[in-house]
Amino acid sequence: QVQLVESGGGLVQTGGSLRLSCAASGYSLEHFAIGWFRQAPGKEREGVSCISSADAIPYYSDSVRGRFTISRDNAKNMVYLEMNSLKPDDTAVYYCAADYLPLQGVCRLSVNPYGYWGQGTQVTVSS
């Protein structure tokens, strides 16, 4: 069983930056693809970024590409999401999730494949 805990959320002004962390326990993340998702009030949960397991290839949604950077440290069982140039539209609860996927260069930005989820961390961007 994989447990995930997000941290690093908060209130920031437009144009500011935050770094989210996802700490895993209970199992090594080595063979898991990791995704970052967000859910704003009244909206569906959407994938913003993911990173493959073995070779750490990142993928981004169009809405965050060029502003967000995902990374992982398998030795520490940690995944990070660096968020820059934040906009009010980025306001949401952010979740990390794990998908057992021991394939190079593959991860998915859809919700369904992910079997393990954290509790979420709130990110609020003021205008």
C-alpha atoms as a PDB file:
ATOM      1  CA  GLN A   1       0.000   0.000   0.000  1.00  0.00           C
ATOM      2  CA  VAL A   2       1.363   3.369  -1.041  1.00  0.00           C
ATOM      3  CA  GLN A   3       0.634   6.390   1.115  1.00  0.00           C
ATOM      4  CA  LEU A   4       1.090   9.832  -0.399  1.00  0.00           C
ATOM      5  CA  VAL A   5       1.222  13.157   1.413  1.00  0.00           C
ATOM      6  CA  GLU A   6       1.305  16.501  -0.377  1.00  0.00           C
ATOM      7  CA  SER A   7       2.712  19.688   1.079  1.00  0.00           C
ATOM      8  CA  GLY A   8       3.782  23.148  -0.029  1.00  0.00           C
ATOM      9  CA  GLY A   9       0.482  24.699  -0.959  1.00  0.00           C
ATOM     10  CA  GLY A  10      -0.529  28.169   0.132  1.00  0.00           C
ATOM     11  CA  LEU A  11      -1.609  31.634  -0.893  1.00  0.00           C
ATOM     12  CA  VAL A  12       0.448  33.469  -3.496  1.00  0.00           C
ATOM     13  CA  GLN A  13      -0.030  36.503  -5.697  1.00  0.00           C
ATOM     14  CA  THR A  14      -0.336  36.362  -9.469  1.00  0.00           C
ATOM     15  CA  GLY A  15       3.080  35.784 -10.961  1.00  0.00           C
ATOM     16  CA  GLY A  16       4.396  34.101  -7.854  1.00  0.00           C
ATOM     17  CA  SER A  17       5.822  30.637  -7.344  1.00  0.00           C
ATOM     18  CA  LEU A  18       5.222  27.612  -5.164  1.00  0.00           C
ATOM     19  CA  ARG A  19       6.883  24.242  -4.872  1.00  0.00           C
ATOM     20  CA  LEU A  20       4.678  21.304  -4.049  1.00  0.00           C
ATOM     21  CA  SER A  21       6.110  18.127  -2.578  1.00  0.00           C
ATOM     22  CA  CYS A  22       4.689  14.620  -2.575  1.00  0.00           C
ATOM     23  CA  ALA A  23       6.136  12.259   0.007  1.00  0.00           C
ATOM     24  CA  ALA A  24       5.535   8.540  -0.402  1.00  0.00           C
ATOM     25  CA  SER A  25       5.707   5.787   2.195  1.00  0.00           C
ATOM     26  CA  GLY A  26       4.860   2.132   2.405  1.00  0.00           C
ATOM     27  CA  TYR A  27       6.381   1.234  -0.938  1.00  0.00           C
ATOM     28  CA  SER A  28       9.176   2.396  -3.207  1.00  0.00           C
ATOM     29  CA  LEU A  29       8.055   4.728  -5.981  1.00  0.00           C
ATOM     30  CA  GLU A  30      10.667   3.282  -8.312  1.00  0.00           C
ATOM     31  CA  HIS A  31       8.139   1.480 -10.520  1.00  0.00           C
ATOM     32  CA  PHE A  32       5.346   4.040 -10.250  1.00  0.00           C
ATOM     33  CA  ALA A  33       4.500   6.830 -12.600  1.00  0.00           C
ATOM     34  CA  ILE A  34       3.462   9.861 -10.606  1.00  0.00           C
ATOM     35  CA  GLY A  35       0.889  12.427 -11.593  1.00  0.00           C
ATOM     36  CA  TRP A  36      -0.089  15.818 -10.277  1.00  0.00           C
ATOM     37  CA  PHE A  37      -3.757  16.667 -10.574  1.00  0.00           C
ATOM     38  CA  ARG A  38      -5.857  19.614  -9.517  1.00  0.00           C
ATOM     39  CA  GLN A  39      -9.493  20.236  -8.800  1.00  0.00           C
ATOM     40  CA  ALA A  40     -11.099  23.649  -8.596  1.00  0.00           C
ATOM     41  CA  PRO A  41     -14.531  24.173  -7.006  1.00  0.00           C
ATOM     42  CA  GLY A  42     -17.279  22.986  -9.331  1.00  0.00           C
ATOM     43  CA  LYS A  43     -14.839  21.506 -11.831  1.00  0.00           C
ATOM     44  CA  GLU A  44     -13.626  18.031 -12.625  1.00  0.00           C
ATOM     45  CA  ARG A  45     -10.232  16.846 -11.474  1.00  0.00           C
ATOM     46  CA  GLU A  46      -7.681  17.415 -14.224  1.00  0.00           C
ATOM     47  CA  GLY A  47      -4.165  16.178 -14.813  1.00  0.00           C
ATOM     48  CA  VAL A  48      -1.526  18.891 -14.997  1.00  0.00           C
ATOM     49  CA  SER A  49       1.697  16.906 -15.091  1.00  0.00           C
ATOM     50  CA  CYS A  50       3.075  13.407 -14.781  1.00  0.00           C
ATOM     51  CA  ILE A  51       6.473  11.762 -14.758  1.00  0.00           C
ATOM     52  CA  SER A  52       7.393   8.272 -15.834  1.00  0.00           C
ATOM     53  CA  SER A  53       8.900   5.772 -13.424  1.00  0.00           C
ATOM     54  CA  ALA A  54      12.258   4.508 -14.636  1.00  0.00           C
ATOM     55  CA  ASP A  55      13.538   7.369 -16.750  1.00  0.00           C
ATOM     56  CA  ALA A  56      11.667  10.351 -15.257  1.00  0.00           C
ATOM     57  CA  ILE A  57      10.260  11.683 -18.525  1.00  0.00           C
ATOM     58  CA  PRO A  58       7.893  14.582 -17.778  1.00  0.00           C
ATOM     59  CA  TYR A  59       4.618  15.446 -19.450  1.00  0.00           C
ATOM     60  CA  TYR A  60       2.493  18.558 -19.027  1.00  0.00           C
ATOM     61  CA  SER A  61      -0.971  19.745 -19.866  1.00  0.00           C
ATOM     62  CA  ASP A  62      -1.199  22.670 -22.249  1.00  0.00           C
ATOM     63  CA  SER A  63      -2.392  24.923 -19.456  1.00  0.00           C
ATOM     64  CA  VAL A  64       0.820  24.599 -17.434  1.00  0.00           C
ATOM     65  CA  ARG A  65       3.516  23.737 -19.966  1.00  0.00           C
ATOM     66  CA  GLY A  66       6.371  26.202 -19.698  1.00  0.00           C
ATOM     67  CA  ARG A  67       5.381  27.297 -16.188  1.00  0.00           C
ATOM     68  CA  PHE A  68       5.392  24.081 -14.135  1.00  0.00           C
ATOM     69  CA  THR A  69       8.224  21.583 -13.730  1.00  0.00           C
ATOM     70  CA  ILE A  70       7.820  18.099 -12.328  1.00  0.00           C
ATOM     71  CA  SER A  71      10.716  16.125 -10.898  1.00  0.00           C
ATOM     72  CA  ARG A  72      11.298  13.070  -8.768  1.00  0.00           C
ATOM     73  CA  ASP A  73      13.898  11.709  -6.379  1.00  0.00           C
ATOM     74  CA  ASN A  74      13.394   7.960  -6.114  1.00  0.00           C
ATOM     75  CA  ALA A  75      16.091   7.640  -3.453  1.00  0.00           C
ATOM     76  CA  LYS A  76      14.032   9.917  -1.198  1.00  0.00           C
ATOM     77  CA  ASN A  77      10.668   8.627  -2.428  1.00  0.00           C
ATOM     78  CA  MET A  78       9.689  12.180  -3.291  1.00  0.00           C
ATOM     79  CA  VAL A  79       8.082  13.936  -6.239  1.00  0.00           C
ATOM     80  CA  TYR A  80       7.978  17.695  -6.708  1.00  0.00           C
ATOM     81  CA  LEU A  81       6.008  20.214  -8.726  1.00  0.00           C
ATOM     82  CA  GLU A  82       7.654  23.584  -9.192  1.00  0.00           C
ATOM     83  CA  MET A  83       5.016  26.140 -10.181  1.00  0.00           C
ATOM     84  CA  ASN A  84       6.032  29.501 -11.597  1.00  0.00           C
ATOM     85  CA  SER A  85       4.167  32.434 -13.119  1.00  0.00           C
ATOM     86  CA  LEU A  86       1.066  31.406 -11.240  1.00  0.00           C
ATOM     87  CA  LYS A  87      -2.309  32.688 -12.358  1.00  0.00           C
ATOM     88  CA  PRO A  88      -5.683  32.889 -10.577  1.00  0.00           C
ATOM     89  CA  ASP A  89      -6.864  30.035 -12.846  1.00  0.00           C
ATOM     90  CA  ASP A  90      -4.292  27.806 -11.132  1.00  0.00           C
ATOM     91  CA  THR A  91      -6.250  28.033  -7.885  1.00  0.00           C
ATOM     92  CA  ALA A  92      -7.290  24.527  -6.877  1.00  0.00           C
ATOM     93  CA  VAL A  93      -6.611  21.635  -4.567  1.00  0.00           C
ATOM     94  CA  TYR A  94      -3.564  19.829  -5.909  1.00  0.00           C
ATOM     95  CA  TYR A  95      -3.178  16.079  -5.563  1.00  0.00           C
ATOM     96  CA  CYS A  96      -0.349  13.703  -6.292  1.00  0.00           C
ATOM     97  CA  ALA A  97      -1.160  10.175  -7.369  1.00  0.00           C
ATOM     98  CA  ALA A  98       0.747   6.971  -8.112  1.00  0.00           C
ATOM     99  CA  ASP A  99       0.191   4.543 -10.985  1.00  0.00           C
ATOM    100  CA  TYR A 100       2.115   1.248 -11.013  1.00  0.00           C
ATOM    101  CA  LEU A 101       3.675   1.552 -14.462  1.00  0.00           C
ATOM    102  CA  PRO A 102       7.215   0.180 -14.794  1.00  0.00           C
ATOM    103  CA  LEU A 103       7.631   1.344 -18.386  1.00  0.00           C
ATOM    104  CA  GLN A 104      10.161   3.804 -19.687  1.00  0.00           C
ATOM    105  CA  GLY A 105       8.852   7.087 -20.947  1.00  0.00           C
ATOM    106  CA  VAL A 106       5.211   6.459 -20.120  1.00  0.00           C
ATOM    107  CA  CYS A 107       2.786   8.186 -17.812  1.00  0.00           C
ATOM    108  CA  ARG A 108      -0.813   9.282 -18.136  1.00  0.00           C
ATOM    109  CA  LEU A 109      -2.626  12.501 -17.382  1.00  0.00           C
ATOM    110  CA  SER A 110      -6.023  10.894 -16.954  1.00  0.00           C
ATOM    111  CA  VAL A 111      -7.419  10.209 -13.502  1.00  0.00           C
ATOM    112  CA  ASN A 112      -8.538   6.608 -13.893  1.00  0.00           C
ATOM    113  CA  PRO A 113      -5.214   4.719 -14.003  1.00  0.00           C
ATOM    114  CA  TYR A 114      -4.040   6.094 -10.682  1.00  0.00           C
ATOM    115  CA  GLY A 115      -4.756   3.834  -7.751  1.00  0.00           C
ATOM    116  CA  TYR A 116      -3.128   5.779  -4.955  1.00  0.00           C
ATOM    117  CA  TRP A 117      -3.906   9.371  -4.035  1.00  0.00           C
ATOM    118  CA  GLY A 118      -2.829  11.902  -1.456  1.00  0.00           C
ATOM    119  CA  GLN A 119      -5.211  14.077   0.507  1.00  0.00           C
ATOM    120  CA  GLY A 120      -4.425  17.228  -1.474  1.00  0.00           C
ATOM    121  CA  THR A 121      -2.955  20.636  -0.750  1.00  0.00           C
ATOM    122  CA  GLN A 122      -4.686  23.942  -1.436  1.00  0.00           C
ATOM    123  CA  VAL A 123      -3.125  26.433  -3.817  1.00  0.00           C
ATOM    124  CA  THR A 124      -4.715  29.870  -3.994  1.00  0.00           C
ATOM    125  CA  VAL A 125      -3.494  32.521  -6.408  1.00  0.00           C
ATOM    126  CA  SER A 126      -4.782  36.018  -5.752  1.00  0.00           C
ATOM    127  CA  SER A 127      -5.197  38.592  -8.486  1.00  0.00           C
END
